[in-house]
């Protein structure tokens, strides 16, 4: 896993624990752009996306 992906996961955990939905959305959109530009792999983006959705829509 790249450092970029680790940084995104760490930011998402921080925002998720603070229940900051706006920043979660922003991070998810940024990560998608990084994926589209080739800086994140599909696997890394999927992990980021799943973590965003887990915090955004808790059970």
C-alpha atoms as a PDB file:
ATOM      1  CA  UNK A   1       0.000   0.000   0.000  1.00  0.00           C
ATOM      2  CA  UNK A   2       1.369   3.398  -0.938  1.00  0.00           C
ATOM      3  CA  UNK A   3       1.949   6.189   1.539  1.00  0.00           C
ATOM      4  CA  UNK A   4      -0.702   8.244  -0.243  1.00  0.00           C
ATOM      5  CA  UNK A   5      -3.321   5.563   0.436  1.00  0.00           C
ATOM      6  CA  UNK A   6      -2.221   5.282   4.076  1.00  0.00           C
ATOM      7  CA  UNK A   7      -2.535   9.054   4.461  1.00  0.00           C
ATOM      8  CA  UNK A   8      -6.071   8.997   3.062  1.00  0.00           C
ATOM      9  CA  UNK A   9      -7.081   6.153   5.372  1.00  0.00           C
ATOM     10  CA  UNK A  10      -5.671   8.015   8.378  1.00  0.00           C
ATOM     11  CA  UNK A  11      -7.493  11.245   7.445  1.00  0.00           C
ATOM     12  CA  UNK A  12     -10.747   9.370   6.925  1.00  0.00           C
ATOM     13  CA  UNK A  13     -10.473   7.696  10.328  1.00  0.00           C
ATOM     14  CA  UNK A  14      -9.902  11.068  11.955  1.00  0.00           C
ATOM     15  CA  UNK A  15     -12.848  12.720  10.209  1.00  0.00           C
ATOM     16  CA  UNK A  16     -15.054   9.684  10.728  1.00  0.00           C
ATOM     17  CA  UNK A  17     -14.452   9.608  14.462  1.00  0.00           C
ATOM     18  CA  UNK A  18     -15.336  13.318  14.592  1.00  0.00           C
ATOM     19  CA  UNK A  19     -18.489  12.679  12.502  1.00  0.00           C
ATOM     20  CA  UNK A  20     -17.386  15.274   9.940  1.00  0.00           C
ATOM     21  CA  UNK A  21     -19.477  14.180   6.943  1.00  0.00           C
ATOM     22  CA  UNK A  22     -18.384  17.095   4.746  1.00  0.00           C
ATOM     23  CA  UNK A  23     -14.698  16.230   5.096  1.00  0.00           C
ATOM     24  CA  UNK A  24     -15.390  12.523   4.566  1.00  0.00           C
ATOM     25  CA  UNK A  25     -17.096  13.382   1.301  1.00  0.00           C
ATOM     26  CA  UNK A  26     -14.248  15.672   0.305  1.00  0.00           C
ATOM     27  CA  UNK A  27     -11.613  13.000   1.028  1.00  0.00           C
ATOM     28  CA  UNK A  28     -13.537  10.398  -0.912  1.00  0.00           C
ATOM     29  CA  UNK A  29     -13.791  12.699  -3.939  1.00  0.00           C
ATOM     30  CA  UNK A  30     -10.091  13.559  -3.740  1.00  0.00           C
ATOM     31  CA  UNK A  31      -9.166   9.885  -3.518  1.00  0.00           C
ATOM     32  CA  UNK A  32     -11.288   9.142  -6.574  1.00  0.00           C
ATOM     33  CA  UNK A  33      -9.422  11.804  -8.547  1.00  0.00           C
ATOM     34  CA  UNK A  34      -6.109  10.315  -7.401  1.00  0.00           C
ATOM     35  CA  UNK A  35      -7.338   6.904  -8.581  1.00  0.00           C
ATOM     36  CA  UNK A  36      -8.424   8.314 -11.966  1.00  0.00           C
ATOM     37  CA  UNK A  37      -5.000   9.978 -12.345  1.00  0.00           C
ATOM     38  CA  UNK A  38      -3.231   6.693 -11.590  1.00  0.00           C
ATOM     39  CA  UNK A  39      -1.761   7.643  -8.236  1.00  0.00           C
ATOM     40  CA  UNK A  40      -3.917   5.101  -6.347  1.00  0.00           C
ATOM     41  CA  UNK A  41      -4.580   1.522  -7.379  1.00  0.00           C
ATOM     42  CA  UNK A  42      -8.097   0.169  -7.682  1.00  0.00           C
ATOM     43  CA  UNK A  43      -7.569  -1.917  -4.540  1.00  0.00           C
ATOM     44  CA  UNK A  44      -6.376   1.107  -2.554  1.00  0.00           C
ATOM     45  CA  UNK A  45      -9.288   3.234  -3.729  1.00  0.00           C
ATOM     46  CA  UNK A  46     -11.781   0.505  -2.815  1.00  0.00           C
ATOM     47  CA  UNK A  47     -10.393   0.357   0.739  1.00  0.00           C
ATOM     48  CA  UNK A  48     -10.665   4.139   1.024  1.00  0.00           C
ATOM     49  CA  UNK A  49     -14.205   4.133  -0.358  1.00  0.00           C
ATOM     50  CA  UNK A  50     -15.365   1.360   1.979  1.00  0.00           C
ATOM     51  CA  UNK A  51     -13.938   3.152   5.011  1.00  0.00           C
ATOM     52  CA  UNK A  52     -15.654   6.398   3.952  1.00  0.00           C
ATOM     53  CA  UNK A  53     -18.999   4.639   3.579  1.00  0.00           C
ATOM     54  CA  UNK A  54     -18.550   2.834   6.897  1.00  0.00           C
ATOM     55  CA  UNK A  55     -18.135   6.122   8.743  1.00  0.00           C
ATOM     56  CA  UNK A  56     -20.703   8.031   6.675  1.00  0.00           C
ATOM     57  CA  UNK A  57     -23.427   5.403   7.094  1.00  0.00           C
ATOM     58  CA  UNK A  58     -22.827   3.518  10.351  1.00  0.00           C
ATOM     59  CA  UNK A  59     -25.076   0.598  11.215  1.00  0.00           C
END
